[in-house]
Amino acid sequence: MIAFLGMGLLGANFTKALRRKGEQVQVWNRTHSKAKALEADGAKAFENVADAVKGAAVIHVTLKDDVTVDSVLAAASAGFLPGAIIVDHTTTSAAGAIARTQAWKEKGFTYLHAPVFMGPSNALDSTGFMLVSGNQDVIKKMEPALAKMTGKVVNFGPEEGKAAAMKLIGNLFLVTFTAGITDTLALGKALHVTPEDILRLFDNWNPAGMLPARLKRIASGNYDQPSWELDMARKDTGLFLQAATDAGVQLNVIPAVAKLMDQFIADGKGGKDWTVIGEGAL
């Protein structure tokens, strides 16, 4: 028996996928109608969270944040089977994941944080990525079941909270990547270049392949043999800004990058590789 707490888009589709695999699933959501809707897929819905976990050896959680996870698990704990395993897919702080692992261990339960890079369609199709770290015996025990829920389980080793940290790092990249795209589209607007033409550019020139090398270059701390000098990168950044200003278009990310570049140039690093702007992150 499996319990699933949190019937948002991700939790609901995880539940549907588990039911398709023949698993018995008991579900709960703060808004009961969302849980009730899953009865059409064969799940059993409960209004009381403690009732939803009764008889479940494994309790999956997909909630909003640390506070919500803590409050829901506290309310559910009255119904926990002795030795039940909690698998939390919520994106939370690393500190919160570490604290919960220890707190539930002291109460006789196992808590495994397993955040995901999965959208609702991934949860339904059992594709995407699930991250784990911590007690390797627990992971070894749970990995076969978790692997059926996702495309790949990525184990980051024995450090508690590492999976939470990696999820946050991944999400930060997605946020900055998307913010960069908004500035790219805004500059296109300023220069009368359509989104379709921008897509055509990236269909032919794909900068994604540069990511590993760029990351290694920044992390190396060696910026003395430039492929693109910071001074020249700043010159081009000025052209972006001027074009946007002339067209009355707002750029959101690039002004902050230009300010950072100016700080490094003022420190005499204009002749170094432009990736020197990442020096302070090391």
Protein backbone atom coordinates (compact mmCIF):
# COMPACT_ATOMS: atom_id res chain seq x y z
CA MET A 1 0.00 0.00 0.00
CA ILE A 2 1.25 3.46 -0.97
CA ALA A 3 0.02 6.81 0.32
CA PHE A 4 0.45 10.01 -1.66
CA LEU A 5 0.04 13.40 0.00
CA GLY A 6 -0.42 16.45 -2.21
CA MET A 7 -2.55 16.15 -5.33
CA GLY A 8 -1.27 19.05 -7.36
CA LEU A 9 -0.43 18.44 -11.02
CA LEU A 10 2.69 16.44 -10.13
CA GLY A 11 1.18 14.38 -7.31
CA ALA A 12 -1.98 13.64 -9.27
CA ASN A 13 -0.05 12.35 -12.26
CA PHE A 14 2.33 10.32 -10.08
CA THR A 15 -0.79 8.73 -8.59
CA LYS A 16 -2.32 7.99 -12.00
CA ALA A 17 0.93 6.37 -13.13
CA LEU A 18 1.14 4.24 -10.00
CA ARG A 19 -2.44 3.09 -10.49
CA ARG A 20 -1.65 2.14 -14.10
CA LYS A 21 1.14 -0.03 -12.73
CA GLY A 22 -1.34 -1.77 -10.46
CA GLU A 23 -0.34 -0.13 -7.17
CA GLN A 24 -2.90 0.49 -4.45
CA VAL A 25 -2.74 4.20 -3.63
CA GLN A 26 -4.40 6.22 -0.88
CA VAL A 27 -4.41 9.97 -1.49
CA TRP A 28 -4.93 13.19 0.41
CA ASN A 29 -4.99 16.85 -0.51
CA ARG A 30 -5.82 19.93 1.55
CA THR A 31 -8.52 20.72 -1.00
CA HIS A 32 -10.32 17.38 -0.81
CA SER A 33 -11.94 17.63 -4.25
CA LYS A 34 -8.52 17.25 -5.90
CA ALA A 35 -7.94 13.98 -4.06
CA LYS A 36 -11.50 12.83 -4.67
CA ALA A 37 -11.01 13.26 -8.40
CA LEU A 38 -8.32 10.56 -8.34
CA GLU A 39 -10.90 7.96 -7.33
CA ALA A 40 -11.83 7.85 -11.02
CA ASP A 41 -8.35 6.35 -11.53
CA GLY A 42 -8.80 3.81 -8.75
CA ALA A 43 -7.12 5.68 -5.89
CA LYS A 44 -8.83 5.96 -2.51
CA ALA A 45 -9.24 9.52 -1.24
CA PHE A 46 -9.33 10.63 2.39
CA GLU A 47 -10.31 13.92 3.97
CA ASN A 48 -8.14 13.28 7.04
CA VAL A 49 -4.42 13.02 6.30
CA ALA A 50 -3.79 10.62 9.19
CA ASP A 51 -6.38 8.25 7.70
CA ALA A 52 -4.78 8.51 4.27
CA VAL A 53 -1.48 7.06 5.50
CA LYS A 54 -2.92 4.17 7.54
CA GLY A 55 -1.63 0.86 6.25
CA ALA A 56 0.89 2.49 3.89
CA ALA A 57 4.46 1.23 4.10
CA VAL A 58 5.63 4.10 1.87
CA ILE A 59 4.30 7.66 1.98
CA HIS A 60 5.10 9.94 -0.95
CA VAL A 61 4.87 13.70 -0.54
CA THR A 62 4.59 16.44 -3.18
CA LEU A 63 3.83 19.70 -1.40
CA LYS A 64 4.76 23.39 -1.57
CA ASP A 65 7.66 24.07 0.78
CA ASP A 66 9.42 23.21 4.06
CA VAL A 67 6.69 24.62 6.27
CA THR A 68 3.94 22.76 4.45
CA VAL A 69 5.86 19.47 4.48
CA ASP A 70 6.53 19.77 8.21
CA SER A 71 2.93 20.59 9.08
CA VAL A 72 1.38 17.90 6.86
CA LEU A 73 3.74 15.18 8.07
CA ALA A 74 3.13 16.16 11.68
CA ALA A 75 -0.62 15.83 11.14
CA ALA A 76 -0.23 12.56 9.23
CA SER A 77 2.10 10.92 11.73
CA ALA A 78 -0.72 9.69 13.96
CA GLY A 79 -1.56 7.21 11.20
CA PHE A 80 1.97 6.08 10.30
CA LEU A 81 2.76 2.39 10.33
CA PRO A 82 5.76 1.54 12.54
CA GLY A 83 8.88 1.94 10.42
CA ALA A 84 7.08 3.66 7.54
CA ILE A 85 9.22 5.28 4.83
CA ILE A 86 8.54 8.88 3.82
CA VAL A 87 9.66 9.84 0.31
CA ASP A 88 9.49 13.60 -0.15
CA HIS A 89 9.56 14.93 -3.74
CA THR A 90 8.99 18.55 -2.67
CA THR A 91 11.57 21.17 -3.61
CA THR A 92 12.78 22.35 -0.20
CA SER A 93 15.81 23.85 1.45
CA ALA A 94 18.81 21.58 1.98
CA ALA A 95 18.78 22.44 5.68
CA GLY A 96 15.14 21.40 5.91
CA ALA A 97 15.80 18.05 4.25
CA ILE A 98 18.69 17.36 6.63
CA ALA A 99 16.63 18.30 9.68
CA ARG A 100 13.67 16.15 8.62
CA THR A 101 15.89 13.15 7.96
CA GLN A 102 17.22 13.31 11.51
CA ALA A 103 13.92 14.21 13.17
CA TRP A 104 11.97 11.34 11.63
CA LYS A 105 14.81 8.91 12.28
CA GLU A 106 14.61 9.79 15.97
CA LYS A 107 10.89 8.98 15.85
CA GLY A 108 11.50 5.57 14.28
CA PHE A 109 10.71 6.46 10.65
CA THR A 110 12.77 6.82 7.49
CA TYR A 111 12.70 10.09 5.57
CA LEU A 112 14.23 10.21 2.09
CA HIS A 113 14.30 13.44 0.14
CA ALA A 114 13.88 12.71 -3.57
CA PRO A 115 13.23 15.97 -5.48
CA VAL A 116 12.62 15.75 -9.20
CA PHE A 117 13.25 17.43 -12.50
CA MET A 118 9.88 16.31 -13.80
CA GLY A 119 6.80 18.10 -15.04
CA PRO A 120 3.28 16.69 -14.86
CA SER A 121 3.69 14.86 -18.19
CA ASN A 122 6.90 13.25 -16.91
CA ALA A 123 5.14 12.07 -13.76
CA LEU A 124 2.42 10.48 -15.87
CA ASP A 125 4.86 8.85 -18.31
CA SER A 126 7.51 7.95 -15.69
CA THR A 127 10.22 9.97 -17.44
CA GLY A 128 12.57 12.72 -16.26
CA PHE A 129 14.99 12.69 -13.35
CA MET A 130 14.69 11.98 -9.62
CA LEU A 131 17.51 13.01 -7.28
CA VAL A 132 18.48 11.22 -4.06
CA SER A 133 21.27 11.36 -1.51
CA GLY A 134 21.92 10.22 2.03
CA ASN A 135 21.76 6.77 3.63
CA GLN A 136 22.85 4.41 0.88
CA ASP A 137 21.12 1.42 2.44
CA VAL A 138 17.81 3.28 2.30
CA ILE A 139 18.45 4.35 -1.28
CA LYS A 140 19.36 0.81 -2.31
CA LYS A 141 16.11 -0.43 -0.80
CA MET A 142 13.95 2.26 -2.42
CA GLU A 143 15.67 2.70 -5.78
CA PRO A 144 13.83 -0.10 -7.67
CA ALA A 145 10.45 1.41 -6.77
CA LEU A 146 11.60 4.98 -7.45
CA ALA A 147 13.09 3.97 -10.81
CA LYS A 148 9.62 2.89 -11.94
CA MET A 149 8.35 6.41 -11.27
CA THR A 150 10.91 8.31 -13.35
CA GLY A 151 13.31 8.03 -16.27
CA LYS A 152 16.47 8.02 -14.16
CA VAL A 153 17.31 8.07 -10.46
CA VAL A 154 20.47 10.11 -9.86
CA ASN A 155 22.27 9.22 -6.62
CA PHE A 156 24.49 12.02 -5.27
CA GLY A 157 26.04 9.91 -2.54
CA PRO A 158 25.83 9.67 1.24
CA GLU A 159 25.62 13.36 2.12
CA GLU A 160 22.21 14.26 3.54
CA GLY A 161 20.71 17.31 1.85
CA LYS A 162 22.86 17.00 -1.28
CA ALA A 163 19.87 16.10 -3.46
CA ALA A 164 18.02 19.18 -2.19
CA ALA A 165 21.04 21.35 -2.97
CA MET A 166 21.36 19.94 -6.48
CA LYS A 167 17.67 20.56 -7.15
CA LEU A 168 18.01 24.19 -6.07
CA ILE A 169 21.08 24.64 -8.26
CA GLY A 170 19.24 23.16 -11.22
CA ASN A 171 16.22 25.35 -10.65
CA LEU A 172 18.40 28.46 -10.33
CA PHE A 173 19.88 27.64 -13.72
CA LEU A 174 16.39 27.26 -15.20
CA VAL A 175 15.32 30.62 -13.75
CA THR A 176 18.39 32.47 -15.03
CA PHE A 177 18.15 30.69 -18.38
CA THR A 178 14.53 31.76 -18.80
CA ALA A 179 15.32 35.31 -17.69
CA GLY A 180 18.08 35.39 -20.31
CA ILE A 181 15.62 34.30 -22.96
CA THR A 182 13.31 37.19 -22.04
CA ASP A 183 16.15 39.66 -22.60
CA THR A 184 17.01 37.91 -25.88
CA LEU A 185 13.43 38.33 -27.08
CA ALA A 186 13.38 41.94 -25.87
CA LEU A 187 16.54 42.77 -27.83
CA GLY A 188 14.98 41.07 -30.83
CA LYS A 189 11.97 43.34 -30.44
CA ALA A 190 14.23 46.38 -30.26
CA LEU A 191 16.06 45.30 -33.42
CA HIS A 192 12.88 44.23 -35.27
CA VAL A 193 13.88 40.58 -35.21
CA THR A 194 10.97 38.17 -34.74
CA PRO A 195 10.92 35.23 -32.31
CA GLU A 196 10.74 32.99 -35.39
CA ASP A 197 14.02 34.41 -36.68
CA ILE A 198 15.61 33.98 -33.26
CA LEU A 199 14.53 30.33 -33.29
CA ARG A 200 16.07 29.99 -36.74
CA LEU A 201 19.37 31.31 -35.37
CA PHE A 202 19.41 28.76 -32.57
CA ASP A 203 18.34 25.96 -34.89
CA ASN A 204 21.59 26.57 -36.76
CA TRP A 205 23.84 27.72 -33.89
CA ASN A 206 23.17 25.88 -30.64
CA PRO A 207 25.07 27.43 -27.71
CA ALA A 208 23.90 24.68 -25.31
CA GLY A 209 26.96 22.64 -26.27
CA MET A 210 29.16 25.34 -24.76
CA LEU A 211 27.80 24.83 -21.24
CA PRO A 212 30.23 22.16 -19.94
CA ALA A 213 33.31 23.96 -21.28
CA ARG A 214 32.09 27.33 -19.98
CA LEU A 215 31.45 25.88 -16.52
CA LYS A 216 34.88 24.26 -16.46
CA ARG A 217 36.52 27.51 -17.57
CA ILE A 218 34.90 29.52 -14.78
CA ALA A 219 35.59 26.84 -12.17
CA SER A 220 39.25 26.57 -13.20
CA GLY A 221 39.98 30.08 -11.94
CA ASN A 222 42.28 30.64 -14.92
CA TYR A 223 41.20 33.61 -17.04
CA ASP A 224 44.61 34.62 -18.44
CA GLN A 225 44.22 33.22 -21.98
CA PRO A 226 41.04 34.89 -23.20
CA SER A 227 38.91 33.64 -26.04
CA TRP A 228 36.80 36.79 -25.59
CA GLU A 229 38.24 39.62 -23.54
CA LEU A 230 36.03 41.15 -20.89
CA ASP A 231 36.53 44.61 -22.44
CA MET A 232 35.13 43.34 -25.75
CA ALA A 233 32.24 41.51 -24.07
CA ARG A 234 31.40 44.74 -22.25
CA LYS A 235 31.51 46.65 -25.54
CA ASP A 236 28.93 44.28 -27.02
CA THR A 237 26.85 44.46 -23.85
CA GLY A 238 26.80 48.24 -24.32
CA LEU A 239 25.43 47.73 -27.83
CA PHE A 240 22.61 45.56 -26.42
CA LEU A 241 21.74 48.22 -23.88
CA GLN A 242 21.88 51.10 -26.36
CA ALA A 243 19.68 49.31 -28.89
CA ALA A 244 17.12 48.58 -26.20
CA THR A 245 17.20 52.16 -24.90
CA ASP A 246 16.80 53.61 -28.39
CA ALA A 247 13.74 51.43 -28.98
CA GLY A 248 12.23 52.06 -25.54
CA VAL A 249 12.52 48.35 -24.67
CA GLN A 250 13.39 47.18 -21.17
CA LEU A 251 16.11 44.59 -20.52
CA ASN A 252 15.89 42.98 -17.09
CA VAL A 253 19.04 40.88 -16.72
CA ILE A 254 21.69 42.52 -18.88
CA PRO A 255 21.91 45.80 -16.90
CA ALA A 256 22.97 43.83 -13.81
CA VAL A 257 25.53 41.90 -15.88
CA ALA A 258 26.90 45.15 -17.30
CA LYS A 259 27.30 46.53 -13.78
CA LEU A 260 29.21 43.41 -12.75
CA MET A 261 31.45 43.65 -15.80
CA ASP A 262 32.20 47.30 -14.96
CA GLN A 263 33.31 46.31 -11.47
CA PHE A 264 35.82 43.78 -12.84
CA ILE A 265 37.07 46.21 -15.48
CA ALA A 266 37.58 48.83 -12.78
CA ASP A 267 39.69 46.25 -10.94
CA GLY A 268 41.97 46.03 -13.98
CA LYS A 269 40.63 42.73 -15.36
CA GLY A 270 39.32 43.99 -18.70
CA GLY A 271 42.01 42.08 -20.61
CA LYS A 272 41.14 38.73 -19.03
CA ASP A 273 38.68 36.21 -20.41
CA TRP A 274 35.16 37.48 -19.86
CA THR A 275 34.32 34.47 -17.70
CA VAL A 276 36.31 36.21 -14.98
CA ILE A 277 32.99 37.70 -13.88
CA GLY A 278 32.33 34.31 -12.26
CA GLU A 279 35.46 34.55 -10.13
CA GLY A 280 33.58 35.69 -7.04
CA ALA A 281 31.36 32.59 -7.10
CA LEU A 282 34.27 30.22 -6.45
